[in-house]
Amino acid sequence: MSEKRRTKNNRDEQVIEVSKLGTPFVKDKHVAFVFHRHHFEGKVAKQLRNSAIIDFDNDYKESSTALELKQKVVISYSKMKLV
């Protein structure tokens, strides 16, 4: 019983369709957001359909939340504002 494994990851080939809310939040845009009732700022690392992966700014990198989340967090577009 041998199993064939794919060397290519299907996620690499997928094109993510960004919702209308996400159009202003392009990669490397500076944004402000609230996470667990605390205010943070960061840059968009990657856009997803209804949310984005955000890298914390240097001002917040030492916060317990950023350290716990390994400097990245997924935030809904409705919870973000451009800075």
N, C-alpha and C. Protein backbone atom coordinates (compact mmCIF):
# COMPACT_ATOMS: atom_id res chain seq x y z
N MET A 1 0.83 -1.18 0.00
CA MET A 1 0.00 0.00 0.00
C MET A 1 0.88 1.25 0.00
N SER A 2 1.13 1.74 -1.14
CA SER A 2 1.92 2.95 -1.21
C SER A 2 1.01 4.16 -1.44
N GLU A 3 1.42 5.25 -0.89
CA GLU A 3 0.64 6.47 -0.99
C GLU A 3 1.43 7.50 -1.79
N LYS A 4 0.80 8.11 -2.76
CA LYS A 4 1.46 9.16 -3.53
C LYS A 4 1.25 10.48 -2.81
N ARG A 5 2.34 11.20 -2.62
CA ARG A 5 2.26 12.50 -1.97
C ARG A 5 2.55 13.59 -2.99
N ARG A 6 1.78 14.63 -2.89
CA ARG A 6 2.00 15.77 -3.78
C ARG A 6 3.13 16.62 -3.23
N THR A 7 3.97 17.05 -4.13
CA THR A 7 5.06 17.92 -3.70
C THR A 7 4.61 19.38 -3.69
N LYS A 8 3.62 19.70 -4.48
CA LYS A 8 3.12 21.07 -4.53
C LYS A 8 1.95 21.23 -3.58
N ASN A 9 1.89 22.36 -2.94
CA ASN A 9 0.81 22.65 -2.02
C ASN A 9 -0.32 23.32 -2.78
N ASN A 10 -1.55 22.84 -2.61
CA ASN A 10 -2.69 23.42 -3.32
C ASN A 10 -2.92 24.88 -2.96
N ARG A 11 -2.56 25.28 -1.73
CA ARG A 11 -2.78 26.66 -1.31
C ARG A 11 -1.93 27.62 -2.12
N ASP A 12 -0.79 27.18 -2.65
CA ASP A 12 0.07 28.05 -3.45
C ASP A 12 -0.61 28.44 -4.76
N GLU A 13 -1.48 27.58 -5.25
CA GLU A 13 -2.11 27.80 -6.53
C GLU A 13 -3.43 28.57 -6.41
N GLN A 14 -3.99 28.65 -5.22
CA GLN A 14 -5.28 29.30 -5.05
C GLN A 14 -5.18 30.81 -5.16
N VAL A 15 -6.17 31.40 -5.80
CA VAL A 15 -6.27 32.84 -5.87
C VAL A 15 -7.38 33.24 -4.90
N ILE A 16 -7.05 34.12 -3.97
CA ILE A 16 -8.03 34.52 -2.96
C ILE A 16 -8.81 35.71 -3.46
N GLU A 17 -10.12 35.57 -3.44
CA GLU A 17 -11.01 36.65 -3.85
C GLU A 17 -11.33 37.51 -2.63
N VAL A 18 -10.89 38.74 -2.64
CA VAL A 18 -11.07 39.65 -1.51
C VAL A 18 -12.45 40.30 -1.60
N SER A 19 -13.16 40.41 -0.47
CA SER A 19 -14.49 41.01 -0.44
C SER A 19 -14.39 42.52 -0.66
N LYS A 20 -15.54 43.18 -0.84
CA LYS A 20 -15.59 44.63 -1.06
C LYS A 20 -14.98 45.38 0.13
N LEU A 21 -15.24 44.90 1.33
CA LEU A 21 -14.70 45.56 2.53
C LEU A 21 -13.17 45.55 2.53
N GLY A 22 -12.55 44.56 1.91
CA GLY A 22 -11.11 44.42 1.96
C GLY A 22 -10.33 45.16 0.90
N THR A 23 -11.01 45.75 -0.07
CA THR A 23 -10.28 46.40 -1.16
C THR A 23 -9.34 47.53 -0.73
N PRO A 24 -9.67 48.35 0.29
CA PRO A 24 -8.69 49.39 0.67
C PRO A 24 -7.50 48.87 1.47
N PHE A 25 -7.59 47.65 1.98
CA PHE A 25 -6.54 47.11 2.85
C PHE A 25 -5.56 46.24 2.07
N VAL A 26 -4.81 46.85 1.18
CA VAL A 26 -3.85 46.11 0.37
C VAL A 26 -2.58 45.81 1.18
N LYS A 27 -1.75 44.93 0.66
CA LYS A 27 -0.53 44.52 1.34
C LYS A 27 0.35 45.73 1.68
N ASP A 28 0.95 45.71 2.87
CA ASP A 28 1.84 46.75 3.39
C ASP A 28 1.13 48.06 3.78
N LYS A 29 -0.21 48.08 3.80
CA LYS A 29 -0.94 49.26 4.28
C LYS A 29 -0.90 49.27 5.80
N HIS A 30 -0.78 50.45 6.37
CA HIS A 30 -0.74 50.62 7.83
C HIS A 30 -2.17 50.70 8.34
N VAL A 31 -2.52 49.86 9.34
CA VAL A 31 -3.89 49.80 9.85
C VAL A 31 -3.90 49.84 11.38
N ALA A 32 -5.04 50.24 11.92
CA ALA A 32 -5.28 50.19 13.36
C ALA A 32 -6.42 49.20 13.58
N PHE A 33 -6.37 48.47 14.69
CA PHE A 33 -7.41 47.47 14.97
C PHE A 33 -7.51 47.25 16.47
N VAL A 34 -8.62 46.64 16.87
CA VAL A 34 -8.86 46.30 18.28
C VAL A 34 -8.86 44.78 18.38
N PHE A 35 -8.09 44.27 19.35
CA PHE A 35 -8.04 42.83 19.58
C PHE A 35 -8.17 42.60 21.08
N HIS A 36 -9.20 41.91 21.48
CA HIS A 36 -9.49 41.67 22.91
C HIS A 36 -9.52 42.97 23.71
N ARG A 37 -10.22 43.96 23.19
CA ARG A 37 -10.42 45.27 23.82
C ARG A 37 -9.15 46.10 23.97
N HIS A 38 -8.08 45.74 23.29
CA HIS A 38 -6.84 46.52 23.30
C HIS A 38 -6.60 47.05 21.88
N HIS A 39 -6.13 48.28 21.78
CA HIS A 39 -5.89 48.92 20.49
C HIS A 39 -4.45 48.67 20.04
N PHE A 40 -4.30 48.27 18.77
CA PHE A 40 -3.00 47.98 18.18
C PHE A 40 -2.92 48.61 16.80
N GLU A 41 -1.70 48.65 16.27
CA GLU A 41 -1.46 49.07 14.89
C GLU A 41 -0.51 48.07 14.25
N GLY A 42 -0.59 47.98 12.93
CA GLY A 42 0.28 47.07 12.21
C GLY A 42 0.18 47.26 10.72
N LYS A 43 0.82 46.36 9.98
CA LYS A 43 0.79 46.39 8.52
C LYS A 43 0.15 45.11 8.00
N VAL A 44 -0.58 45.24 6.91
CA VAL A 44 -1.22 44.08 6.29
C VAL A 44 -0.14 43.21 5.65
N ALA A 45 -0.05 41.97 6.08
CA ALA A 45 0.92 41.03 5.52
C ALA A 45 0.32 40.24 4.36
N LYS A 46 -0.98 39.89 4.50
CA LYS A 46 -1.65 39.11 3.46
C LYS A 46 -3.14 39.34 3.55
N GLN A 47 -3.79 39.47 2.40
CA GLN A 47 -5.24 39.62 2.37
C GLN A 47 -5.90 38.25 2.23
N LEU A 48 -6.98 38.06 2.98
CA LEU A 48 -7.81 36.88 2.86
C LEU A 48 -9.18 37.34 2.36
N ARG A 49 -10.15 36.44 2.29
CA ARG A 49 -11.45 36.83 1.76
C ARG A 49 -12.14 37.88 2.62
N ASN A 50 -12.34 37.61 3.90
CA ASN A 50 -13.06 38.53 4.78
C ASN A 50 -12.19 39.10 5.89
N SER A 51 -10.90 38.84 5.83
CA SER A 51 -9.98 39.29 6.88
C SER A 51 -8.58 39.41 6.29
N ALA A 52 -7.65 39.84 7.15
CA ALA A 52 -6.26 39.99 6.71
C ALA A 52 -5.33 39.54 7.83
N ILE A 53 -4.15 39.10 7.44
CA ILE A 53 -3.10 38.77 8.41
C ILE A 53 -2.30 40.04 8.63
N ILE A 54 -2.19 40.44 9.90
CA ILE A 54 -1.55 41.70 10.25
C ILE A 54 -0.27 41.42 11.04
N ASP A 55 0.81 42.11 10.68
CA ASP A 55 2.05 42.10 11.46
C ASP A 55 2.00 43.28 12.42
N PHE A 56 2.25 43.05 13.70
CA PHE A 56 2.23 44.11 14.70
C PHE A 56 3.35 45.12 14.42
N ASP A 57 3.08 46.41 14.69
CA ASP A 57 4.10 47.46 14.61
C ASP A 57 5.15 47.27 15.70
N ASN A 58 6.31 47.91 15.51
CA ASN A 58 7.39 47.80 16.49
C ASN A 58 6.98 48.29 17.88
N ASP A 59 6.09 49.28 17.94
CA ASP A 59 5.62 49.80 19.23
C ASP A 59 4.90 48.75 20.06
N TYR A 60 4.31 47.77 19.38
CA TYR A 60 3.50 46.76 20.06
C TYR A 60 4.14 45.37 20.09
N LYS A 61 5.30 45.22 19.47
CA LYS A 61 5.93 43.89 19.37
C LYS A 61 6.27 43.27 20.72
N GLU A 62 6.48 44.09 21.74
CA GLU A 62 6.84 43.57 23.06
C GLU A 62 5.62 43.35 23.96
N SER A 63 4.43 43.65 23.46
CA SER A 63 3.22 43.43 24.27
C SER A 63 2.98 41.94 24.43
N SER A 64 2.33 41.58 25.52
CA SER A 64 2.09 40.15 25.79
C SER A 64 1.22 39.53 24.71
N THR A 65 0.28 40.31 24.16
CA THR A 65 -0.59 39.80 23.09
C THR A 65 0.22 39.49 21.85
N ALA A 66 1.09 40.40 21.42
CA ALA A 66 1.90 40.18 20.22
C ALA A 66 2.86 39.01 20.41
N LEU A 67 3.45 38.89 21.58
CA LEU A 67 4.37 37.79 21.84
C LEU A 67 3.63 36.45 21.83
N GLU A 68 2.44 36.45 22.40
CA GLU A 68 1.63 35.23 22.44
C GLU A 68 1.23 34.79 21.03
N LEU A 69 0.93 35.76 20.18
CA LEU A 69 0.47 35.47 18.82
C LEU A 69 1.60 35.40 17.80
N LYS A 70 2.84 35.48 18.27
CA LYS A 70 4.03 35.40 17.40
C LYS A 70 4.05 36.50 16.35
N GLN A 71 3.66 37.71 16.77
CA GLN A 71 3.74 38.94 15.99
C GLN A 71 2.75 39.02 14.82
N LYS A 72 1.84 38.06 14.69
CA LYS A 72 0.85 38.09 13.61
C LYS A 72 -0.53 37.78 14.17
N VAL A 73 -1.54 38.39 13.54
CA VAL A 73 -2.92 38.17 13.97
C VAL A 73 -3.83 38.28 12.75
N VAL A 74 -4.93 37.53 12.76
CA VAL A 74 -5.93 37.61 11.70
C VAL A 74 -7.07 38.47 12.21
N ILE A 75 -7.38 39.55 11.46
CA ILE A 75 -8.41 40.50 11.87
C ILE A 75 -9.39 40.71 10.70
N SER A 76 -10.66 40.76 11.03
CA SER A 76 -11.71 41.03 10.05
C SER A 76 -11.56 42.45 9.51
N TYR A 77 -11.91 42.64 8.22
CA TYR A 77 -11.82 43.97 7.62
C TYR A 77 -12.74 44.96 8.34
N SER A 78 -13.86 44.49 8.87
CA SER A 78 -14.79 45.39 9.55
C SER A 78 -14.21 45.92 10.86
N LYS A 79 -13.19 45.28 11.39
CA LYS A 79 -12.58 45.70 12.66
C LYS A 79 -11.31 46.53 12.45
N MET A 80 -10.97 46.84 11.19
CA MET A 80 -9.74 47.58 10.89
C MET A 80 -10.05 48.97 10.37
N LYS A 81 -9.10 49.88 10.58
CA LYS A 81 -9.17 51.23 10.02
C LYS A 81 -7.82 51.58 9.43
N LEU A 82 -7.82 52.30 8.33
CA LEU A 82 -6.55 52.76 7.74
C LEU A 82 -5.97 53.87 8.61
N VAL A 83 -4.64 53.88 8.74
CA VAL A 83 -3.98 54.91 9.52
C VAL A 83 -3.21 55.83 8.59
